[in-house]
PDB file of N, CA and C in Angstrom:
ATOM      1  N   GLN A   1     159.190  64.839  69.025  1.00  0.00           N
ATOM      2  CA  GLN A   1     157.892  64.429  69.471  1.00  0.00           C
ATOM      3  C   GLN A   1     158.442  64.688  71.419  1.00  0.00           C
ATOM      4  N   THR A   2     157.533  65.592  71.730  1.00  0.00           N
ATOM      5  CA  THR A   2     157.853  65.337  73.089  1.00  0.00           C
ATOM      6  C   THR A   2     156.516  65.001  74.018  1.00  0.00           C
ATOM      7  N   LEU A   3     156.912  63.708  75.071  1.00  0.00           N
ATOM      8  CA  LEU A   3     156.476  62.827  75.527  1.00  0.00           C
ATOM      9  C   LEU A   3     155.893  63.274  77.010  1.00  0.00           C
ATOM     10  N   PRO A   4     154.308  62.631  77.392  1.00  0.00           N
ATOM     11  CA  PRO A   4     153.505  63.192  78.383  1.00  0.00           C
ATOM     12  C   PRO A   4     154.614  63.264  79.402  1.00  0.00           C
ATOM     13  N   THR A   5     154.377  64.494  80.418  1.00  0.00           N
ATOM     14  CA  THR A   5     154.599  64.777  81.522  1.00  0.00           C
ATOM     15  C   THR A   5     154.884  63.549  82.806  1.00  0.00           C
ATOM     16  N   ASN A   6     153.660  62.778  82.621  1.00  0.00           N
ATOM     17  CA  ASN A   6     153.175  62.017  83.603  1.00  0.00           C
ATOM     18  C   ASN A   6     153.754  60.435  82.597  1.00  0.00           C
ATOM     19  N   LEU A   7     154.540  60.524  81.926  1.00  0.00           N
ATOM     20  CA  LEU A   7     155.825  59.454  81.797  1.00  0.00           C
ATOM     21  C   LEU A   7     156.452  59.159  82.169  1.00  0.00           C
ATOM     22  N   TYR A   8     157.321  60.775  82.864  1.00  0.00           N
ATOM     23  CA  TYR A   8     158.341  60.648  83.973  1.00  0.00           C
ATOM     24  C   TYR A   8     158.175  61.298  85.278  1.00  0.00           C
ATOM     25  N   ASN A   9     156.776  60.486  85.467  1.00  0.00           N
ATOM     26  CA  ASN A   9     156.657  60.257  87.320  1.00  0.00           C
ATOM     27  C   ASN A   9     156.224  58.503  87.904  1.00  0.00           C
ATOM     28  N   ILE A  10     156.745  58.052  86.325  1.00  0.00           N
ATOM     29  CA  ILE A  10     156.111  56.667  86.582  1.00  0.00           C
ATOM     30  C   ILE A  10     157.920  56.304  87.311  1.00  0.00           C
ATOM     31  N   GLN A  11     157.538  55.652  88.550  1.00  0.00           N
ATOM     32  CA  GLN A  11     159.007  55.077  88.969  1.00  0.00           C
ATOM     33  C   GLN A  11     159.310  53.659  88.672  1.00  0.00           C
ATOM     34  N   TYR A  12     160.120  53.434  88.010  1.00  0.00           N
ATOM     35  CA  TYR A  12     160.877  51.417  87.945  1.00  0.00           C
ATOM     36  C   TYR A  12     161.668  51.804  89.101  1.00  0.00           C
ATOM     37  N   ASN A  13     161.637  50.569  89.387  1.00  0.00           N
ATOM     38  CA  ASN A  13     162.041  49.308  90.170  1.00  0.00           C
ATOM     39  C   ASN A  13     163.002  48.513  89.325  1.00  0.00           C
ATOM     40  N   ILE A  14     163.475  47.391  90.340  1.00  0.00           N
ATOM     41  CA  ILE A  14     164.676  46.108  90.234  1.00  0.00           C
ATOM     42  C   ILE A  14     162.800  45.318  89.820  1.00  0.00           C
ATOM     43  N   GLY A  15     163.100  43.991  88.785  1.00  0.00           N
ATOM     44  CA  GLY A  15     161.234  43.514  88.990  1.00  0.00           C
ATOM     45  C   GLY A  15     160.855  44.116  88.151  1.00  0.00           C
ATOM     46  N   ASP A  16     160.675  45.604  87.691  1.00  0.00           N
ATOM     47  CA  ASP A  16     159.422  45.849  86.934  1.00  0.00           C
ATOM     48  C   ASP A  16     159.877  45.135  85.074  1.00  0.00           C
ATOM     49  N   CYS A  17     158.651  44.850  84.678  1.00  0.00           N
ATOM     50  CA  CYS A  17     158.353  43.833  83.499  1.00  0.00           C
ATOM     51  C   CYS A  17     158.497  45.290  82.957  1.00  0.00           C
ATOM     52  N   VAL A  18     158.679  45.983  81.865  1.00  0.00           N
ATOM     53  CA  VAL A  18     158.827  47.130  80.729  1.00  0.00           C
ATOM     54  C   VAL A  18     159.282  47.264  79.164  1.00  0.00           C
ATOM     55  N   MET A  19     158.781  47.392  78.551  1.00  0.00           N
ATOM     56  CA  MET A  19     158.631  48.183  77.092  1.00  0.00           C
ATOM     57  C   MET A  19     159.646  48.881  76.684  1.00  0.00           C
ATOM     58  N   ILE A  20     161.339  48.642  76.200  1.00  0.00           N
ATOM     59  CA  ILE A  20     162.225  49.704  76.130  1.00  0.00           C
ATOM     60  C   ILE A  20     162.495  49.373  74.298  1.00  0.00           C
ATOM     61  N   ASP A  21     162.625  51.379  73.789  1.00  0.00           N
ATOM     62  CA  ASP A  21     162.195  51.844  73.080  1.00  0.00           C
ATOM     63  C   ASP A  21     160.993  51.763  72.145  1.00  0.00           C
ATOM     64  N   ASP A  22     160.122  50.781  72.438  1.00  0.00           N
ATOM     65  CA  ASP A  22     158.429  50.818  71.959  1.00  0.00           C
ATOM     66  C   ASP A  22     158.927  49.697  71.411  1.00  0.00           C
ATOM     67  N   SER A  23     159.924  48.677  71.472  1.00  0.00           N
ATOM     68  CA  SER A  23     159.980  47.102  70.476  1.00  0.00           C
ATOM     69  C   SER A  23     160.824  46.727  71.784  1.00  0.00           C
ATOM     70  N   LYS A  24     161.286  46.635  72.422  1.00  0.00           N
ATOM     71  CA  LYS A  24     161.589  45.452  73.128  1.00  0.00           C
ATOM     72  C   LYS A  24     161.372  44.520  74.656  1.00  0.00           C
ATOM     73  N   LEU A  25     160.565  43.930  75.226  1.00  0.00           N
ATOM     74  CA  LEU A  25     160.889  43.360  76.037  1.00  0.00           C
ATOM     75  C   LEU A  25     161.422  42.955  77.451  1.00  0.00           C
ATOM     76  N   GLY A  26     161.027  42.992  78.934  1.00  0.00           N
ATOM     77  CA  GLY A  26     162.769  42.623  79.815  1.00  0.00           C
ATOM     78  C   GLY A  26     161.918  42.879  81.231  1.00  0.00           C
ATOM     79  N   GLN A  27     162.641  42.223  82.215  1.00  0.00           N
ATOM     80  CA  GLN A  27     162.762  42.444  83.125  1.00  0.00           C
ATOM     81  C   GLN A  27     164.036  42.952  83.978  1.00  0.00           C
ATOM     82  N   ILE A  28     163.791  44.275  84.462  1.00  0.00           N
ATOM     83  CA  ILE A  28     165.081  45.509  85.155  1.00  0.00           C
ATOM     84  C   ILE A  28     165.291  44.629  85.985  1.00  0.00           C
ATOM     85  N   LYS A  29     166.567  44.539  86.287  1.00  0.00           N
ATOM     86  CA  LYS A  29     167.653  43.751  86.838  1.00  0.00           C
ATOM     87  C   LYS A  29     168.124  44.746  87.554  1.00  0.00           C
ATOM     88  N   SER A  30     168.902  45.317  87.036  1.00  0.00           N
ATOM     89  CA  SER A  30     169.809  46.680  88.259  1.00  0.00           C
ATOM     90  C   SER A  30     169.187  47.900  87.417  1.00  0.00           C
ATOM     91  N   ILE A  31     169.680  48.094  88.649  1.00  0.00           N
ATOM     92  CA  ILE A  31     169.471  49.733  88.458  1.00  0.00           C
ATOM     93  C   ILE A  31     170.926  50.847  88.885  1.00  0.00           C
ATOM     94  N   GLY A  32     171.088  51.784  88.791  1.00  0.00           N
ATOM     95  CA  GLY A  32     173.068  51.794  88.907  1.00  0.00           C
ATOM     96  C   GLY A  32     173.328  52.915  87.886  1.00  0.00           C
ATOM     97  N   GLN A  33     174.676  53.892  89.024  1.00  0.00           N
ATOM     98  CA  GLN A  33     175.431  54.566  88.443  1.00  0.00           C
ATOM     99  C   GLN A  33     177.380  54.107  88.502  1.00  0.00           C
ATOM    100  N   HIS A  34     177.406  54.729  87.359  1.00  0.00           N
ATOM    101  CA  HIS A  34     179.185  54.269  87.711  1.00  0.00           C
ATOM    102  C   HIS A  34     180.143  55.028  86.708  1.00  0.00           C
ATOM    103  N   PRO A  35     181.027  54.908  87.239  1.00  0.00           N
ATOM    104  CA  PRO A  35     182.487  56.572  86.933  1.00  0.00           C
ATOM    105  C   PRO A  35     182.034  55.857  85.248  1.00  0.00           C
ATOM    106  N   ALA A  36     182.248  54.145  85.646  1.00  0.00           N
ATOM    107  CA  ALA A  36     182.546  53.871  83.619  1.00  0.00           C
ATOM    108  C   ALA A  36     181.387  53.614  82.461  1.00  0.00           C
ATOM    109  N   TRP A  37     180.243  54.159  83.859  1.00  0.00           N
ATOM    110  CA  TRP A  37     179.467  54.227  82.646  1.00  0.00           C
ATOM    111  C   TRP A  37     178.752  55.983  82.123  1.00  0.00           C
ATOM    112  N   GLY A  38     180.153  56.815  82.268  1.00  0.00           N
ATOM    113  CA  GLY A  38     179.698  58.280  81.931  1.00  0.00           C
ATOM    114  C   GLY A  38     178.138  58.757  83.049  1.00  0.00           C
ATOM    115  N   LYS A  39     177.835  59.305  82.531  1.00  0.00           N
ATOM    116  CA  LYS A  39     175.969  60.139  83.530  1.00  0.00           C
ATOM    117  C   LYS A  39     175.213  59.678  83.138  1.00  0.00           C
ATOM    118  N   GLY A  40     174.259  59.322  84.632  1.00  0.00           N
ATOM    119  CA  GLY A  40     173.371  59.260  84.116  1.00  0.00           C
ATOM    120  C   GLY A  40     173.239  57.893  84.825  1.00  0.00           C
ATOM    121  N   THR A  41     171.764  58.055  84.712  1.00  0.00           N
ATOM    122  CA  THR A  41     171.227  56.303  85.997  1.00  0.00           C
ATOM    123  C   THR A  41     170.965  55.123  84.825  1.00  0.00           C
ATOM    124  N   TRP A  42     170.997  54.668  84.737  1.00  0.00           N
ATOM    125  CA  TRP A  42     171.090  53.222  83.975  1.00  0.00           C
ATOM    126  C   TRP A  42     170.662  52.393  84.322  1.00  0.00           C
ATOM    127  N   TYR A  43     169.895  51.072  83.950  1.00  0.00           N
ATOM    128  CA  TYR A  43     169.471  49.614  83.934  1.00  0.00           C
ATOM    129  C   TYR A  43     169.346  48.526  83.192  1.00  0.00           C
ATOM    130  N   GLY A  44     169.570  47.769  83.903  1.00  0.00           N
ATOM    131  CA  GLY A  44     169.970  47.014  83.234  1.00  0.00           C
ATOM    132  C   GLY A  44     168.651  45.825  83.306  1.00  0.00           C
ATOM    133  N   ILE A  45     168.771  45.519  81.734  1.00  0.00           N
ATOM    134  CA  ILE A  45     167.225  45.189  81.405  1.00  0.00           C
ATOM    135  C   ILE A  45     167.864  43.134  80.601  1.00  0.00           C
ATOM    136  N   ARG A  46     167.042  42.468  80.862  1.00  0.00           N
ATOM    137  CA  ARG A  46     167.006  40.981  80.481  1.00  0.00           C
ATOM    138  C   ARG A  46     165.850  40.521  80.259  1.00  0.00           C
ATOM    139  N   LEU A  47     166.401  41.016  78.802  1.00  0.00           N
ATOM    140  CA  LEU A  47     165.038  40.869  77.231  1.00  0.00           C
ATOM    141  C   LEU A  47     164.476  38.979  77.994  1.00  0.00           C
ATOM    142  N   THR A  48     163.578  39.576  76.787  1.00  0.00           N
ATOM    143  CA  THR A  48     162.196  38.496  76.805  1.00  0.00           C
ATOM    144  C   THR A  48     162.887  37.890  75.340  1.00  0.00           C
ATOM    145  N   GLU A  49     164.102  38.052  74.157  1.00  0.00           N
ATOM    146  CA  GLU A  49     164.431  37.277  73.158  1.00  0.00           C
ATOM    147  C   GLU A  49     165.972  38.182  73.290  1.00  0.00           C
ATOM    148  N   LYS A  50     166.206  37.234  72.766  1.00  0.00           N
ATOM    149  CA  LYS A  50     168.685  37.442  72.281  1.00  0.00           C
ATOM    150  C   LYS A  50     168.112  39.114  71.322  1.00  0.00           C
ATOM    151  N   ILE A  51     167.870  39.931  71.721  1.00  0.00           N
ATOM    152  CA  ILE A  51     168.495  41.533  70.743  1.00  0.00           C
ATOM    153  C   ILE A  51     169.328  42.200  71.260  1.00  0.00           C
ATOM    154  N   GLY A  52     168.897  42.144  72.289  1.00  0.00           N
ATOM    155  CA  GLY A  52     170.452  42.432  73.480  1.00  0.00           C
ATOM    156  C   GLY A  52     171.995  42.718  72.952  1.00  0.00           C
ATOM    157  N   ASN A  53     172.319  42.958  73.420  1.00  0.00           N
ATOM    158  CA  ASN A  53     174.253  43.831  73.021  1.00  0.00           C
ATOM    159  C   ASN A  53     174.944  42.764  74.786  1.00  0.00           C
ATOM    160  N   CYS A  54     174.459  42.240  75.323  1.00  0.00           N
ATOM    161  CA  CYS A  54     175.921  41.347  76.345  1.00  0.00           C
ATOM    162  C   CYS A  54     174.805  40.219  77.243  1.00  0.00           C
ATOM    163  N   ASP A  55     175.569  40.355  78.514  1.00  0.00           N
ATOM    164  CA  ASP A  55     175.134  39.057  79.007  1.00  0.00           C
ATOM    165  C   ASP A  55     174.916  39.762  80.406  1.00  0.00           C
ATOM    166  N   GLY A  56     174.765  40.735  80.831  1.00  0.00           N
ATOM    167  CA  GLY A  56     174.950  41.441  82.399  1.00  0.00           C
ATOM    168  C   GLY A  56     175.757  42.471  82.328  1.00  0.00           C
ATOM    169  N   GLU A  57     176.985  42.646  81.567  1.00  0.00           N
ATOM    170  CA  GLU A  57     177.867  43.124  82.138  1.00  0.00           C
ATOM    171  C   GLU A  57     178.134  44.294  81.167  1.00  0.00           C
ATOM    172  N   PHE A  58     178.488  45.723  81.952  1.00  0.00           N
ATOM    173  CA  PHE A  58     178.343  47.144  81.179  1.00  0.00           C
ATOM    174  C   PHE A  58     179.777  47.388  81.557  1.00  0.00           C
ATOM    175  N   LYS A  59     179.987  48.152  80.032  1.00  0.00           N
ATOM    176  CA  LYS A  59     181.653  48.754  80.095  1.00  0.00           C
ATOM    177  C   LYS A  59     182.932  47.603  81.171  1.00  0.00           C
ATOM    178  N   GLY A  60     182.519  46.416  81.106  1.00  0.00           N
ATOM    179  CA  GLY A  60     183.000  46.567  82.507  1.00  0.00           C
ATOM    180  C   GLY A  60     183.130  45.803  83.910  1.00  0.00           C
ATOM    181  N   GLN A  61     181.733  46.135  84.162  1.00  0.00           N
ATOM    182  CA  GLN A  61     181.455  46.383  85.353  1.00  0.00           C
ATOM    183  C   GLN A  61     179.950  45.106  85.967  1.00  0.00           C
ATOM    184  N   ARG A  62     180.143  43.721  85.714  1.00  0.00           N
ATOM    185  CA  ARG A  62     178.589  43.338  85.767  1.00  0.00           C
ATOM    186  C   ARG A  62     178.292  43.643  86.813  1.00  0.00           C
ATOM    187  N   THR A  63     176.809  43.633  86.555  1.00  0.00           N
ATOM    188  CA  THR A  63     175.904  44.062  87.410  1.00  0.00           C
ATOM    189  C   THR A  63     174.560  42.640  87.783  1.00  0.00           C
ATOM    190  N   PHE A  64     174.877  42.277  86.080  1.00  0.00           N
ATOM    191  CA  PHE A  64     173.237  40.994  86.908  1.00  0.00           C
ATOM    192  C   PHE A  64     174.159  40.374  85.280  1.00  0.00           C
ATOM    193  N   SER A  65     173.512  38.620  85.184  1.00  0.00           N
ATOM    194  CA  SER A  65     174.294  37.403  85.248  1.00  0.00           C
ATOM    195  C   SER A  65     172.897  36.428  84.157  1.00  0.00           C
ATOM    196  N   CYS A  66     172.857  36.589  82.735  1.00  0.00           N
ATOM    197  CA  CYS A  66     171.452  36.695  82.057  1.00  0.00           C
ATOM    198  C   CYS A  66     172.717  35.335  80.674  1.00  0.00           C
ATOM    199  N   PRO A  67     172.031  34.626  79.776  1.00  0.00           N
ATOM    200  CA  PRO A  67     172.196  34.339  78.698  1.00  0.00           C
ATOM    201  C   PRO A  67     172.736  35.590  78.101  1.00  0.00           C
ATOM    202  N   PRO A  68     174.171  35.104  77.305  1.00  0.00           N
ATOM    203  CA  PRO A  68     174.887  36.766  76.235  1.00  0.00           C
ATOM    204  C   PRO A  68     173.848  36.443  75.140  1.00  0.00           C
ATOM    205  N   GLY A  69     173.291  37.293  75.143  1.00  0.00           N
ATOM    206  CA  GLY A  69     172.837  38.090  73.597  1.00  0.00           C
ATOM    207  C   GLY A  69     171.679  38.692  74.028  1.00  0.00           C
ATOM    208  N   TYR A  70     171.118  38.647  75.667  1.00  0.00           N
ATOM    209  CA  TYR A  70     170.069  38.616  75.815  1.00  0.00           C
ATOM    210  C   TYR A  70     170.544  39.960  77.792  1.00  0.00           C
ATOM    211  N   GLY A  71     170.745  40.266  77.291  1.00  0.00           N
ATOM    212  CA  GLY A  71     171.307  41.782  78.253  1.00  0.00           C
ATOM    213  C   GLY A  71     171.444  43.946  77.565  1.00  0.00           C
ATOM    214  N   TYR A  72     170.737  44.509  78.134  1.00  0.00           N
ATOM    215  CA  TYR A  72     170.690  45.206  77.909  1.00  0.00           C
ATOM    216  C   TYR A  72     170.753  46.890  77.958  1.00  0.00           C
ATOM    217  N   PHE A  73     171.598  47.093  78.461  1.00  0.00           N
ATOM    218  CA  PHE A  73     171.636  48.472  78.846  1.00  0.00           C
ATOM    219  C   PHE A  73     170.992  50.268  78.391  1.00  0.00           C
ATOM    220  N   VAL A  74     170.027  50.233  79.196  1.00  0.00           N
ATOM    221  CA  VAL A  74     169.301  52.035  78.788  1.00  0.00           C
ATOM    222  C   VAL A  74     169.096  52.707  79.635  1.00  0.00           C
ATOM    223  N   GLN A  75     168.388  53.816  79.670  1.00  0.00           N
ATOM    224  CA  GLN A  75     168.924  55.160  80.172  1.00  0.00           C
ATOM    225  C   GLN A  75     167.430  55.289  80.251  1.00  0.00           C
ATOM    226  N   ARG A  76     167.061  55.523  80.905  1.00  0.00           N
ATOM    227  CA  ARG A  76     165.231  56.188  81.858  1.00  0.00           C
ATOM    228  C   ARG A  76     165.243  56.681  80.136  1.00  0.00           C
ATOM    229  N   ASN A  77     165.056  57.962  80.081  1.00  0.00           N
ATOM    230  CA  ASN A  77     164.518  57.923  78.578  1.00  0.00           C
ATOM    231  C   ASN A  77     164.420  56.796  77.259  1.00  0.00           C
ATOM    232  N   GLN A  78     164.895  55.645  77.558  1.00  0.00           N
ATOM    233  CA  GLN A  78     164.284  54.392  76.316  1.00  0.00           C
ATOM    234  C   GLN A  78     163.692  53.893  76.981  1.00  0.00           C
ATOM    235  N   LEU A  79     162.888  54.029  78.520  1.00  0.00           N
ATOM    236  CA  LEU A  79     162.134  52.834  78.984  1.00  0.00           C
ATOM    237  C   LEU A  79     160.768  53.655  78.720  1.00  0.00           C
ATOM    238  N   THR A  80     159.929  52.910  77.183  1.00  0.00           N
ATOM    239  CA  THR A  80     158.978  53.491  77.129  1.00  0.00           C
ATOM    240  C   THR A  80     157.317  52.754  78.088  1.00  0.00           C
ATOM    241  N   GLN A  81     158.220  52.633  78.724  1.00  0.00           N
ATOM    242  CA  GLN A  81     155.837  51.248  79.352  1.00  0.00           C
ATOM    243  C   GLN A  81     156.921  50.684  80.663  1.00  0.00           C
ATOM    244  N   LYS A  82     155.477  50.804  81.178  1.00  0.00           N
ATOM    245  CA  LYS A  82     155.776  49.267  82.907  1.00  0.00           C
ATOM    246  C   LYS A  82     155.087  48.842  82.577  1.00  0.00           C
ATOM    247  N   LEU A  83     155.159  47.225  82.558  1.00  0.00           N
ATOM    248  CA  LEU A  83     154.140  46.975  82.187  1.00  0.00           C
ATOM    249  C   LEU A  83     152.990  45.773  83.645  1.00  0.00           C
ATOM    250  N   LYS A  84     151.711  45.595  83.343  1.00  0.00           N
ATOM    251  CA  LYS A  84     151.047  45.945  84.756  1.00  0.00           C
ATOM    252  C   LYS A  84     150.922  44.030  85.329  1.00  0.00           C
ATOM    253  N   ILE A  85     151.013  43.385  83.517  1.00  0.00           N
ATOM    254  CA  ILE A  85     150.937  41.933  84.087  1.00  0.00           C
ATOM    255  C   ILE A  85     152.956  40.979  84.171  1.00  0.00           C
ATOM    256  N   ALA A  86     153.332  40.810  84.904  1.00  0.00           N
ATOM    257  CA  ALA A  86     154.263  40.210  84.505  1.00  0.00           C
ATOM    258  C   ALA A  86     153.627  39.236  83.935  1.00  0.00           C
ATOM    259  N   ARG A  87     154.020  38.662  83.276  1.00  0.00           N
ATOM    260  CA  ARG A  87     154.135  36.892  82.154  1.00  0.00           C
ATOM    261  C   ARG A  87     155.124  36.431  82.206  1.00  0.00           C
ATOM    262  N   PHE A  88     157.125  37.388  82.654  1.00  0.00           N
ATOM    263  CA  PHE A  88     157.539  36.840  83.024  1.00  0.00           C
ATOM    264  C   PHE A  88     159.123  37.031  84.209  1.00  0.00           C
ATOM    265  N   ASP A  89     159.451  36.408  84.463  1.00  0.00           N
ATOM    266  CA  ASP A  89     160.480  36.804  85.890  1.00  0.00           C
ATOM    267  C   ASP A  89     161.798  35.752  85.500  1.00  0.00           C
ATOM    268  N   PHE A  90     162.800  36.649  85.469  1.00  0.00           N
ATOM    269  CA  PHE A  90     164.437  36.394  85.424  1.00  0.00           C
ATOM    270  C   PHE A  90     165.204  36.767  86.548  1.00  0.00           C
ATOM    271  N   LEU A  91     164.306  37.711  87.549  1.00  0.00           N
ATOM    272  CA  LEU A  91     164.941  37.811  88.717  1.00  0.00           C
ATOM    273  C   LEU A  91     166.032  36.829  89.452  1.00  0.00           C
ATOM    274  N   LYS A  92     165.137  35.435  89.563  1.00  0.00           N
ATOM    275  CA  LYS A  92     166.286  34.109  90.112  1.00  0.00           C
ATOM    276  C   LYS A  92     167.277  33.728  89.467  1.00  0.00           C
ATOM    277  N   GLU A  93     166.905  33.460  88.053  1.00  0.00           N
ATOM    278  CA  GLU A  93     167.915  33.431  87.332  1.00  0.00           C
ATOM    279  C   GLU A  93     169.700  33.614  87.578  1.00  0.00           C
ATOM    280  N   ASP A  94     170.923  33.003  87.628  1.00  0.00           N
ATOM    281  CA  ASP A  94     171.776  33.750  87.695  1.00  0.00           C
ATOM    282  C   ASP A  94     173.130  32.954  85.892  1.00  0.00           C
ATOM    283  N   TYR A  95     172.740  33.470  84.889  1.00  0.00           N
ATOM    284  CA  TYR A  95     173.128  32.386  84.153  1.00  0.00           C
ATOM    285  C   TYR A  95     174.052  31.805  84.598  1.00  0.00           C
ATOM    286  N   ILE A  96     175.702  32.643  85.298  1.00  0.00           N
ATOM    287  CA  ILE A  96     177.504  32.378  85.139  1.00  0.00           C
ATOM    288  C   ILE A  96     177.180  31.021  86.376  1.00  0.00           C
ATOM    289  N   GLU A  97     175.882  31.079  87.404  1.00  0.00           N
ATOM    290  CA  GLU A  97     176.048  30.495  89.011  1.00  0.00           C
ATOM    291  C   GLU A  97     174.859  29.051  88.238  1.00  0.00           C
ATOM    292  N   ASP A  98     174.275  29.471  87.920  1.00  0.00           N
ATOM    293  CA  ASP A  98     174.429  27.907  86.610  1.00  0.00           C
ATOM    294  C   ASP A  98     174.641  26.854  86.059  1.00  0.00           C
ATOM    295  N   LYS A  99     175.614  27.754  84.853  1.00  0.00           N
ATOM    296  CA  LYS A  99     176.337  26.730  84.154  1.00  0.00           C
ATOM    297  C   LYS A  99     177.614  26.353  84.780  1.00  0.00           C
ATOM    298  N   ARG A 100     178.141  27.328  86.537  1.00  0.00           N
ATOM    299  CA  ARG A 100     178.796  26.553  87.174  1.00  0.00           C
ATOM    300  C   ARG A 100     178.877  25.484  88.657  1.00  0.00           C
ATOM    301  N   LYS A 101     177.718  24.936  88.087  1.00  0.00           N
ATOM    302  CA  LYS A 101     176.499  24.161  88.398  1.00  0.00           C
ATOM    303  C   LYS A 101     176.913  22.993  87.184  1.00  0.00           C
ATOM    304  N   GLU A 102     176.661  23.530  86.464  1.00  0.00           N
ATOM    305  CA  GLU A 102     176.291  22.142  85.397  1.00  0.00           C
ATOM    306  C   GLU A 102     177.426  21.827  85.432  1.00  0.00           C
ATOM    307  N   PHE A 103     178.534  22.675  85.044  1.00  0.00           N
ATOM    308  CA  PHE A 103     180.128  22.141  84.882  1.00  0.00           C
ATOM    309  C   PHE A 103     180.224  21.050  85.743  1.00  0.00           C
ATOM    310  N   GLU A 104     180.162  21.322  87.091  1.00  0.00           N
ATOM    311  CA  GLU A 104     180.420  20.241  88.093  1.00  0.00           C
ATOM    312  C   GLU A 104     179.747  18.900  87.937  1.00  0.00           C
ATOM    313  N   ARG A 105     177.985  18.916  87.949  1.00  0.00           N
ATOM    314  CA  ARG A 105     177.843  17.819  87.782  1.00  0.00           C
ATOM    315  C   ARG A 105     178.850  17.321  86.135  1.00  0.00           C
ATOM    316  N   LEU A 106     178.048  18.133  85.476  1.00  0.00           N
ATOM    317  CA  LEU A 106     179.135  16.871  84.395  1.00  0.00           C
ATOM    318  C   LEU A 106     180.377  16.084  84.530  1.00  0.00           C
ATOM    319  N   LYS A 107     181.489  17.176  85.275  1.00  0.00           N
ATOM    320  CA  LYS A 107     182.693  17.208  85.494  1.00  0.00           C
ATOM    321  C   LYS A 107     182.705  15.552  87.176  1.00  0.00           C
ATOM    322  N   GLN A 108     181.511  15.314  87.745  1.00  0.00           N
ATOM    323  CA  GLN A 108     181.323  14.763  89.108  1.00  0.00           C
ATOM    324  C   GLN A 108     180.631  12.974  88.038  1.00  0.00           C
ATOM    325  N   GLU A 109     180.124  12.752  86.559  1.00  0.00           N
ATOM    326  CA  GLU A 109     179.972  12.534  86.018  1.00  0.00           C
ATOM    327  C   GLU A 109     180.312  11.232  85.479  1.00  0.00           C
ATOM    328  N   SER A 110     181.340  12.584  84.642  1.00  0.00           N
ATOM    329  CA  SER A 110     182.952  11.497  84.441  1.00  0.00           C
ATOM    330  C   SER A 110     183.931  10.963  84.991  1.00  0.00           C
TER     331      SER A 110
END
């Protein structure tokens, strides 16, 4: 099945809420390339459900932070839709930093 050409004209940016593979919802938290990832541009997605495969680290490179299982890296052809309405926003989320602060707070209380 070939996709209509206008799908390839859509610009995806960090912060966009997207549909991945017509089955997963998430928000783009990083866009980039790295030699360790092979060819192409990769989109780091923070999913709305725990159906991902990472926590924002991909092949040894961390590009964002989220709870384990909510991160997912895809290439452009897997982004199937850009949502017009942002029903969720994970851009300010920093799972690692939040956990560190919580640990420091608990240490001081004990």
